[in-house]
Amino acid sequence: MVKRLNPLDLGFLMAESRESMFHVASLLTFSAREDLSPDYFRELIEQYHDPSEVQSPWNLKLKTPGLLKNPLQSWVLDKNMDPDYHVRRAALPAPGGERELGTIVSHLHGQAIDFHRPPWEMHLIEGLPNNRFALYMKVHHSLVDGYTGVQMLNRAMSKTPDDPDTPLFYTVRNPSRSPRSESDGPDFGQLLTNSVKSILNVGQVAFRRSLKRDIENLVSWNQAPQSVLNGRITRNRRFATQDFSLPLLKDLAKASGGSLNDIVLALCGGALRRFLLDQDALPEKSLIAMLPVNIRPKNDPGGGNAVGAILATLGTDIADPRQRLETIISSTSRAKELISGLSATEIMASSAMLMSPLGMQIARAVTGINAKIPINCNVVISNVPGPTEHLYFRGSRLETNFPVSIPMHGLALNITCYSYVDRLCFGFIGCRDALPHLQRLAVYTGETMNELETILG
């Protein structure tokens, strides 16, 4: 059985390189149940090394792993999958803490996926203080997107602490789509042709419609300034985390007249302004963020990738936090107006046209050419909604879920948020060499949060 990759999924493979690795991950921390035995983690790993059944997509590997850029690339069933390779056990050096946890995640995220196997890994990490442990789950973006990963997480855990045998991830059935044979549906050439026609035809219609609206304060595709965030990267990573009260963030959004996403952008904008000021590297023009937009219908089970994109200012050129927030709200409102009333297909097509200059931006970063190539955006900021109820893994309660996303040439920093019950968890992942002291960004978001609480009462 063979499952074709759609053009977007294939694009993530074609963009893979030694420095720009297109895997995404989650760092989950748990409060261990009180009756945890000394042999718990060893026994757990042994169970995962001998699963009763491995479910799709965790048992799929690439048909041509040595040629990622093969336009006929497909997923095929790995009949000899080795669970010992995919599920591993690690421990923090004593006394373990958040800094040591961030260090090990930074290292793990800087290691490339082995494409000769199903492209995922899970690391069980012991040694956290206060009777806690962590799971780091890494998967290539061509296999699942963030939305699909969230849905799988929700299905894999229990909503009560009374289920001692809850499976996790790769033993959970994925109801989205099963692998299909090569004779099922169009070949890649036809699929690519249809996709290009959709982008050219539907995208142009959507853009003409938006241009007729004459939207004020709309961020354009070439408005972003050149910054240290937009150079060539190395394979070394730095990961930092921060989390905030979700009800408090929603209260701030209500008080501001904006949305939760606007508050997230204000936190990031304020933190990035101070971070770049520390390095004497703050551009005169505001940084521009690319915001992925989930366009799946409600209750969609996921599978593959289905996202649009908008651009918004972060107001990093504005010192006053209230004025910065107002500028962000105006910018996102205009961007939403741009795609309002469009179908999912139109949003994907117009987003593809909006983000098409990103390829030149990446090429500029790779080659180091100082030509006057416009910068499409400076940073990617995502906000993924998660469960509203506590989840449990074999009686241990999930406390936080920090997303770990993708830095790449031309976009050395990625900020992703994940909501879980009453917390919003921020994951900052970037190039260690291009952005030294990246962990300060997490601290500065906390200081920006204090500013927003002050100005909004």
Protein backbone atom coordinates (compact mmCIF):
# COMPACT_ATOMS: atom_id res chain seq x y z
CA MET A 1 0.00 0.00 0.00
CA VAL A 2 1.24 3.47 -0.90
CA LYS A 3 0.09 6.90 0.25
CA ARG A 4 1.02 9.86 -1.93
CA LEU A 5 2.29 13.09 -0.39
CA ASN A 6 0.35 16.23 -1.26
CA PRO A 7 2.41 19.17 -2.63
CA LEU A 8 2.59 20.94 0.75
CA ASP A 9 3.79 17.82 2.57
CA LEU A 10 6.30 17.19 -0.21
CA GLY A 11 7.52 20.77 0.12
CA PHE A 12 8.57 20.12 3.73
CA LEU A 13 10.72 17.23 2.52
CA MET A 14 12.24 19.19 -0.35
CA ALA A 15 13.22 22.00 2.04
CA GLU A 16 15.00 19.61 4.44
CA SER A 17 18.72 20.25 4.85
CA ARG A 18 21.46 19.72 7.42
CA GLU A 19 20.74 23.12 9.01
CA SER A 20 17.02 23.54 8.24
CA MET A 21 15.28 20.48 9.62
CA PHE A 22 11.52 20.34 9.22
CA HIS A 23 10.48 18.31 12.23
CA VAL A 24 8.13 19.59 14.93
CA ALA A 25 7.90 18.42 18.52
CA SER A 26 6.13 18.73 21.84
CA LEU A 27 7.64 18.79 25.33
CA LEU A 28 5.09 17.43 27.78
CA THR A 29 5.66 17.58 31.54
CA PHE A 30 3.76 15.36 33.99
CA SER A 31 3.17 15.20 37.72
CA ALA A 32 3.83 11.56 38.50
CA ARG A 33 1.18 9.68 40.40
CA GLU A 34 2.03 9.11 44.05
CA ASP A 35 2.29 5.32 43.88
CA LEU A 36 4.91 5.34 41.11
CA SER A 37 7.22 2.35 41.59
CA PRO A 38 11.03 2.60 41.25
CA ASP A 39 10.82 0.36 38.17
CA TYR A 40 8.01 2.33 36.52
CA PHE A 41 10.05 3.93 33.73
CA ARG A 42 11.99 0.78 32.90
CA GLU A 43 8.79 -1.25 32.70
CA LEU A 44 7.12 1.44 30.62
CA ILE A 45 9.94 1.51 28.08
CA GLU A 46 9.86 -2.27 27.85
CA GLN A 47 6.15 -2.15 27.05
CA TYR A 48 6.70 0.38 24.30
CA HIS A 49 9.51 -1.70 22.88
CA ASP A 50 7.06 -4.59 22.49
CA PRO A 51 3.79 -3.00 21.29
CA SER A 52 0.82 -5.15 20.40
CA GLU A 53 0.13 -3.09 17.28
CA VAL A 54 1.67 0.02 15.71
CA GLN A 55 -0.90 2.23 14.05
CA SER A 56 -0.79 4.58 11.09
CA PRO A 57 0.87 7.03 10.59
CA TRP A 58 3.58 5.91 13.03
CA ASN A 59 4.38 2.80 10.97
CA LEU A 60 4.89 4.68 7.68
CA LYS A 61 8.27 5.45 6.13
CA LEU A 62 9.35 7.11 2.89
CA LYS A 63 9.52 5.01 -0.24
CA THR A 64 12.74 6.74 -1.38
CA PRO A 65 14.49 7.96 1.81
CA GLY A 66 17.75 8.61 -0.01
CA LEU A 67 16.07 11.05 -2.39
CA LEU A 68 13.84 13.35 -0.34
CA LYS A 69 13.24 15.63 -3.32
CA ASN A 70 11.72 12.85 -5.40
CA PRO A 71 8.49 14.32 -6.89
CA LEU A 72 6.94 10.83 -6.76
CA GLN A 73 7.68 10.43 -3.04
CA SER A 74 5.23 8.26 -1.10
CA TRP A 75 4.59 6.81 2.35
CA VAL A 76 4.86 3.03 2.56
CA LEU A 77 4.31 0.60 5.42
CA ASP A 78 7.44 -0.26 7.42
CA LYS A 79 6.98 -3.97 8.08
CA ASN A 80 10.19 -4.15 10.13
CA MET A 81 9.72 -1.12 12.35
CA ASP A 82 12.07 -1.13 15.36
CA PRO A 83 10.34 0.33 18.47
CA ASP A 84 13.66 0.25 20.37
CA TYR A 85 14.95 2.95 18.04
CA HIS A 86 11.90 5.20 18.22
CA VAL A 87 11.20 5.13 21.97
CA ARG A 88 14.13 6.07 24.21
CA ARG A 89 14.84 6.78 27.87
CA ALA A 90 16.89 9.71 29.19
CA ALA A 91 17.53 11.43 32.52
CA LEU A 92 18.58 14.92 33.59
CA PRO A 93 21.81 15.34 35.57
CA ALA A 94 21.03 15.83 39.26
CA PRO A 95 19.73 18.14 40.45
CA GLY A 96 17.61 18.41 37.32
CA GLY A 97 15.66 21.58 36.60
CA GLU A 98 14.04 23.59 33.83
CA ARG A 99 17.41 24.79 32.52
CA GLU A 100 18.72 21.23 32.20
CA LEU A 101 15.47 20.15 30.56
CA GLY A 102 15.74 22.99 28.04
CA THR A 103 19.33 21.98 27.29
CA ILE A 104 18.47 18.37 26.50
CA VAL A 105 15.49 19.40 24.34
CA SER A 106 17.71 21.88 22.47
CA HIS A 107 20.12 19.04 21.73
CA LEU A 108 17.44 16.57 20.68
CA HIS A 109 15.74 19.10 18.40
CA GLY A 110 19.05 19.83 16.67
CA GLN A 111 19.38 16.19 15.55
CA ALA A 112 18.05 15.23 12.12
CA ILE A 113 15.33 12.64 11.59
CA ASP A 114 16.38 9.27 10.14
CA PHE A 115 14.27 9.05 6.98
CA HIS A 116 15.08 5.37 6.47
CA ARG A 117 12.64 4.76 9.34
CA PRO A 118 9.22 6.21 10.21
CA PRO A 119 10.15 9.87 10.83
CA TRP A 120 9.46 10.23 14.56
CA GLU A 121 11.03 9.74 18.00
CA MET A 122 9.76 9.75 21.58
CA HIS A 123 12.07 10.38 24.57
CA LEU A 124 11.01 9.66 28.15
CA ILE A 125 12.96 12.08 30.37
CA GLU A 126 13.37 11.43 34.10
CA GLY A 127 14.94 13.50 36.86
CA LEU A 128 12.71 16.58 37.07
CA PRO A 129 12.16 18.03 40.56
CA ASN A 130 8.90 17.71 42.50
CA ASN A 131 8.17 14.16 41.35
CA ARG A 132 7.79 15.10 37.68
CA PHE A 133 8.90 13.63 34.37
CA ALA A 134 8.71 14.70 30.72
CA LEU A 135 8.08 13.33 27.24
CA TYR A 136 9.70 14.85 24.16
CA MET A 137 7.90 13.75 20.98
CA LYS A 138 9.43 14.64 17.60
CA VAL A 139 7.85 14.03 14.17
CA HIS A 140 8.59 15.32 10.69
CA HIS A 141 6.17 17.99 9.48
CA SER A 142 5.55 16.07 6.23
CA LEU A 143 3.85 13.31 8.25
CA VAL A 144 1.56 15.43 10.45
CA ASP A 145 0.88 19.11 11.10
CA GLY A 146 0.34 20.77 14.47
CA TYR A 147 -3.42 20.40 14.34
CA THR A 148 -3.21 16.66 13.63
CA GLY A 149 -0.68 16.21 16.41
CA VAL A 150 -3.01 17.90 18.89
CA GLN A 151 -5.90 15.65 17.86
CA MET A 152 -3.75 12.55 18.28
CA LEU A 153 -2.64 13.73 21.71
CA ASN A 154 -6.24 14.25 22.77
CA ARG A 155 -7.18 10.76 21.61
CA ALA A 156 -4.13 9.13 23.18
CA MET A 157 -4.61 10.22 26.79
CA SER A 158 -7.26 9.68 29.42
CA LYS A 159 -9.46 12.33 31.00
CA THR A 160 -9.29 10.58 34.37
CA PRO A 161 -6.34 9.30 36.45
CA ASP A 162 -8.01 5.91 36.80
CA ASP A 163 -6.90 4.40 33.47
CA PRO A 164 -3.54 2.71 34.18
CA ASP A 165 -3.06 1.27 30.68
CA THR A 166 -3.50 4.33 28.48
CA PRO A 167 -1.46 3.88 25.28
CA LEU A 168 0.41 6.84 23.83
CA PHE A 169 0.85 8.10 20.28
CA TYR A 170 2.08 5.28 18.11
CA THR A 171 -0.27 2.61 19.46
CA VAL A 172 -3.29 4.86 18.92
CA ARG A 173 -5.43 4.41 15.84
CA ASN A 174 -5.52 7.45 13.57
CA PRO A 175 -9.00 7.64 11.96
CA SER A 176 -8.10 10.38 9.49
CA ARG A 177 -6.94 8.53 6.41
CA SER A 178 -5.52 5.10 5.68
CA PRO A 179 -2.73 4.48 3.16
CA ARG A 180 -3.98 4.10 -0.37
CA SER A 181 -2.67 2.19 -3.33
CA GLU A 182 -1.01 3.92 -6.25
CA SER A 183 -4.05 3.27 -8.39
CA ASP A 184 -6.33 5.13 -5.97
CA GLY A 185 -6.73 8.73 -7.19
CA PRO A 186 -4.62 10.97 -9.43
CA ASP A 187 -0.88 10.64 -9.94
CA PHE A 188 1.48 13.29 -8.63
CA GLY A 189 1.79 15.11 -11.95
CA GLN A 190 -1.94 15.59 -12.17
CA LEU A 191 -2.12 16.59 -8.49
CA LEU A 192 0.66 19.16 -8.94
CA THR A 193 -0.96 20.54 -12.09
CA ASN A 194 -4.30 20.93 -10.33
CA SER A 195 -2.62 22.61 -7.35
CA VAL A 196 -0.76 25.11 -9.53
CA LYS A 197 -3.94 25.95 -11.43
CA SER A 198 -5.75 26.45 -8.11
CA ILE A 199 -3.07 28.82 -6.84
CA LEU A 200 -2.93 30.82 -10.06
CA ASN A 201 -6.64 31.01 -10.70
CA VAL A 202 -8.26 31.01 -7.28
CA GLY A 203 -5.40 32.93 -5.68
CA GLN A 204 -5.57 35.70 -8.27
CA VAL A 205 -9.33 35.99 -7.81
CA ALA A 206 -8.90 36.24 -4.05
CA PHE A 207 -6.18 38.86 -4.38
CA ARG A 208 -8.19 40.95 -6.83
CA ARG A 209 -11.08 40.84 -4.41
CA SER A 210 -8.85 41.99 -1.55
CA LEU A 211 -7.28 44.78 -3.59
CA LYS A 212 -10.70 46.18 -4.43
CA ARG A 213 -11.40 46.51 -0.72
CA ASP A 214 -8.60 49.08 -0.30
CA ILE A 215 -7.83 47.86 3.22
CA GLU A 216 -5.99 50.42 5.35
CA ASN A 217 -3.04 49.29 7.53
CA LEU A 218 -2.79 45.94 5.71
CA VAL A 219 0.74 44.49 5.88
CA SER A 220 2.11 43.79 2.41
CA TRP A 221 4.36 40.94 1.27
CA ASN A 222 7.51 43.12 1.13
CA GLN A 223 7.10 45.32 4.21
CA ALA A 224 9.37 43.44 6.65
CA PRO A 225 12.83 44.89 7.45
CA GLN A 226 16.10 42.96 7.25
CA SER A 227 17.09 41.74 10.72
CA VAL A 228 19.31 39.25 12.55
CA LEU A 229 16.32 36.92 12.52
CA ASN A 230 16.59 36.53 8.76
CA GLY A 231 20.08 35.22 8.11
CA ARG A 232 21.60 31.80 7.56
CA ILE A 233 21.34 29.37 10.48
CA THR A 234 23.36 26.43 11.77
CA ARG A 235 21.98 23.11 13.00
CA ASN A 236 22.45 24.11 16.66
CA ARG A 237 19.24 24.95 18.54
CA ARG A 238 18.25 26.79 21.70
CA PHE A 239 14.85 26.13 23.31
CA ALA A 240 13.12 28.19 26.00
CA THR A 241 9.65 28.12 27.55
CA GLN A 242 7.16 30.41 29.26
CA ASP A 243 3.54 29.93 30.30
CA PHE A 244 0.76 32.28 31.39
CA SER A 245 -2.71 32.12 32.87
CA LEU A 246 -5.12 31.66 29.96
CA PRO A 247 -8.09 33.33 31.76
CA LEU A 248 -5.89 36.35 32.49
CA LEU A 249 -4.82 36.59 28.85
CA LYS A 250 -8.46 36.44 27.77
CA ASP A 251 -9.32 39.19 30.25
CA LEU A 252 -6.56 41.33 28.77
CA ALA A 253 -7.85 40.66 25.26
CA LYS A 254 -11.36 41.70 26.29
CA ALA A 255 -10.08 44.85 27.97
CA SER A 256 -8.05 45.77 24.89
CA GLY A 257 -10.87 45.24 22.41
CA GLY A 258 -8.72 42.72 20.58
CA SER A 259 -8.35 38.96 20.51
CA LEU A 260 -6.27 36.41 22.40
CA ASN A 261 -3.95 36.25 19.38
CA ASP A 262 -3.46 40.03 19.58
CA ILE A 263 -2.26 39.68 23.18
CA VAL A 264 0.08 36.88 22.12
CA LEU A 265 1.54 39.12 19.41
CA ALA A 266 1.88 41.99 21.87
CA LEU A 267 3.82 39.74 24.28
CA CYS A 268 6.10 38.61 21.45
CA GLY A 269 6.49 42.12 20.04
CA GLY A 270 7.46 43.62 23.40
CA ALA A 271 9.88 40.79 24.15
CA LEU A 272 11.52 40.93 20.71
CA ARG A 273 11.92 44.70 20.94
CA ARG A 274 13.90 44.39 24.17
CA PHE A 275 15.80 41.30 22.97
CA LEU A 276 17.02 43.10 19.83
CA LEU A 277 17.75 46.31 21.73
CA ASP A 278 20.09 44.29 23.96
CA GLN A 279 22.02 43.32 20.82
CA ASP A 280 21.84 46.79 19.29
CA ALA A 281 20.05 45.07 16.40
CA LEU A 282 16.51 46.52 16.45
CA PRO A 283 15.41 47.58 12.94
CA GLU A 284 13.88 51.03 12.50
CA LYS A 285 10.82 49.46 10.88
CA SER A 286 8.62 47.04 12.80
CA LEU A 287 9.18 43.30 12.58
CA ILE A 288 6.51 41.43 10.63
CA ALA A 289 5.11 38.08 11.80
CA MET A 290 3.68 35.33 9.65
CA LEU A 291 0.69 33.73 11.36
CA PRO A 292 -0.43 30.26 10.20
CA VAL A 293 -4.22 29.96 9.97
CA ASN A 294 -5.96 26.62 10.49
CA ILE A 295 -8.61 26.24 7.78
CA ARG A 296 -9.95 22.83 8.72
CA PRO A 297 -13.65 22.48 9.47
CA LYS A 298 -14.72 21.88 13.04
CA ASN A 299 -14.13 18.31 14.30
CA ASP A 300 -11.82 17.52 11.37
CA PRO A 301 -9.70 14.51 12.45
CA GLY A 302 -6.55 15.89 10.82
CA GLY A 303 -3.93 14.24 8.61
CA GLY A 304 -1.45 15.94 6.28
CA ASN A 305 -1.26 19.73 6.27
CA ALA A 306 -4.04 22.28 5.70
CA VAL A 307 -3.08 25.82 6.65
CA GLY A 308 -3.31 29.35 5.33
CA ALA A 309 -1.25 32.38 6.37
CA ILE A 310 -1.57 36.08 7.14
CA LEU A 311 0.99 38.80 7.89
CA ALA A 312 0.81 41.22 10.83
CA THR A 313 3.03 43.86 12.41
CA LEU A 314 4.54 43.34 15.88
CA GLY A 315 4.97 47.05 16.57
CA THR A 316 8.62 46.62 17.59
CA ASP A 317 9.34 50.16 16.38
CA ILE A 318 6.97 51.55 19.04
CA ALA A 319 8.23 52.11 22.59
CA ASP A 320 4.83 52.69 24.20
CA PRO A 321 3.18 49.31 25.00
CA ARG A 322 -0.38 50.63 24.67
CA GLN A 323 0.26 52.14 21.24
CA ARG A 324 2.07 48.96 20.19
CA LEU A 325 -0.94 46.85 21.16
CA GLU A 326 -3.35 49.15 19.33
CA THR A 327 -1.18 48.92 16.20
CA ILE A 328 -1.16 45.12 16.39
CA ILE A 329 -4.95 44.95 16.78
CA SER A 330 -5.42 47.21 13.76
CA SER A 331 -3.00 45.11 11.70
CA THR A 332 -4.58 41.74 12.49
CA SER A 333 -8.07 43.13 11.94
CA ARG A 334 -7.07 44.23 8.44
CA ALA A 335 -5.49 40.86 7.70
CA LYS A 336 -8.64 39.01 8.83
CA GLU A 337 -10.70 41.32 6.66
CA LEU A 338 -8.54 40.27 3.71
CA ILE A 339 -9.57 36.61 3.98
CA SER A 340 -13.09 37.10 5.31
CA GLY A 341 -15.66 35.42 3.12
CA LEU A 342 -13.09 33.28 1.29
CA SER A 343 -13.40 29.52 1.07
CA ALA A 344 -10.71 27.24 2.48
CA THR A 345 -9.37 26.67 -1.03
CA GLU A 346 -9.24 30.40 -1.71
CA ILE A 347 -7.46 31.05 1.59
CA MET A 348 -4.82 28.41 0.82
CA ALA A 349 -4.33 29.75 -2.70
CA SER A 350 -4.12 33.41 -1.71
CA SER A 351 -1.83 32.50 1.21
CA ALA A 352 0.48 30.69 -1.20
CA MET A 353 0.72 33.82 -3.35
CA LEU A 354 1.21 36.04 -0.29
CA MET A 355 4.06 33.87 0.99
CA SER A 356 5.66 33.06 -2.38
CA PRO A 357 8.46 35.67 -1.91
CA LEU A 358 9.59 33.68 1.14
CA GLY A 359 11.52 31.42 -1.21
CA MET A 360 13.69 34.35 -2.34
CA GLN A 361 14.17 35.34 1.31
CA ILE A 362 15.42 31.84 2.15
CA ALA A 363 17.70 31.82 -0.91
CA ARG A 364 19.15 35.16 0.16
CA ALA A 365 19.92 33.78 3.61
CA VAL A 366 21.52 30.61 2.21
CA THR A 367 23.71 32.37 -0.35
CA GLY A 368 24.52 35.45 1.73
CA ILE A 369 23.90 37.69 -1.28
CA ASN A 370 23.16 41.26 -0.18
CA ALA A 371 20.94 42.00 -3.15
CA LYS A 372 17.83 44.09 -2.60
CA ILE A 373 15.61 41.07 -2.19
CA PRO A 374 12.51 41.95 -0.14
CA ILE A 375 11.95 40.30 3.24
CA ASN A 376 8.55 38.60 3.40
CA CYS A 377 8.39 38.20 7.20
CA ASN A 378 10.77 38.16 10.17
CA VAL A 379 9.33 35.49 12.46
CA VAL A 380 6.64 32.80 12.53
CA ILE A 381 4.20 32.92 15.46
CA SER A 382 1.55 30.20 15.86
CA ASN A 383 -1.21 29.68 18.39
CA VAL A 384 -2.63 26.15 18.57
CA PRO A 385 -5.77 25.55 20.68
CA GLY A 386 -5.53 22.52 22.93
CA PRO A 387 -7.66 20.55 25.40
CA THR A 388 -9.83 22.37 27.93
CA GLU A 389 -9.79 19.45 30.39
CA HIS A 390 -6.87 17.86 32.24
CA LEU A 391 -5.36 14.81 30.55
CA TYR A 392 -3.66 11.86 32.20
CA PHE A 393 -1.06 9.36 31.10
CA ARG A 394 -1.33 6.16 33.11
CA GLY A 395 -2.48 8.05 36.18
CA SER A 396 0.09 10.88 35.88
CA ARG A 397 -1.38 14.30 35.13
CA LEU A 398 -0.22 16.32 32.16
CA GLU A 399 0.77 19.74 33.52
CA THR A 400 2.20 21.60 30.52
CA ASN A 401 2.66 21.06 26.79
CA PHE A 402 5.32 23.23 25.18
CA PRO A 403 5.47 23.17 21.35
CA VAL A 404 8.88 22.98 19.64
CA SER A 405 8.71 24.09 16.02
CA ILE A 406 10.96 24.90 13.05
CA PRO A 407 13.71 27.49 12.59
CA MET A 408 15.05 27.70 9.04
CA HIS A 409 17.34 29.75 6.83
CA GLY A 410 15.82 33.21 6.63
CA LEU A 411 13.65 32.58 9.71
CA ALA A 412 15.96 31.85 12.62
CA LEU A 413 13.21 32.05 15.27
CA ASN A 414 9.86 30.32 15.68
CA ILE A 415 7.40 31.01 18.49
CA THR A 416 4.51 28.61 18.99
CA CYS A 417 1.82 28.68 21.71
CA TYR A 418 -0.36 25.84 22.89
CA SER A 419 -3.35 26.24 25.18
CA TYR A 420 -3.97 23.58 27.78
CA VAL A 421 -6.80 23.88 30.33
CA ASP A 422 -6.05 27.23 32.02
CA ARG A 423 -2.49 27.81 30.73
CA LEU A 424 -1.02 29.12 27.49
CA CYS A 425 2.38 27.49 26.93
CA PHE A 426 4.99 29.30 24.80
CA GLY A 427 7.81 27.44 23.06
CA PHE A 428 10.69 29.57 21.72
CA ILE A 429 12.98 27.68 19.33
CA GLY A 430 15.78 29.29 17.38
CA CYS A 431 19.30 29.01 16.04
CA ARG A 432 21.72 29.03 18.94
CA ASP A 433 24.45 30.74 16.91
CA ALA A 434 22.34 33.37 15.12
CA LEU A 435 20.41 34.33 18.27
CA PRO A 436 22.61 34.05 21.38
CA HIS A 437 20.93 34.15 24.79
CA LEU A 438 17.60 33.17 23.25
CA GLN A 439 16.27 32.16 26.69
CA ARG A 440 16.02 35.87 27.54
CA LEU A 441 13.03 36.09 25.19
CA ALA A 442 11.03 33.97 27.63
CA VAL A 443 11.97 36.31 30.48
CA TYR A 444 11.07 39.39 28.45
CA THR A 445 7.61 38.04 27.63
CA GLY A 446 6.99 37.88 31.37
CA GLU A 447 8.05 41.51 31.75
CA THR A 448 5.85 42.51 28.80
CA MET A 449 2.96 40.68 30.46
CA ASN A 450 3.40 42.91 33.52
CA GLU A 451 3.29 45.99 31.26
CA LEU A 452 0.05 44.84 29.63
CA GLU A 453 -1.56 44.17 33.00
CA THR A 454 -0.62 47.68 34.09
CA ILE A 455 -1.91 49.54 31.04
CA LEU A 456 -5.11 47.48 30.78
CA GLY A 457 -5.89 47.45 34.48
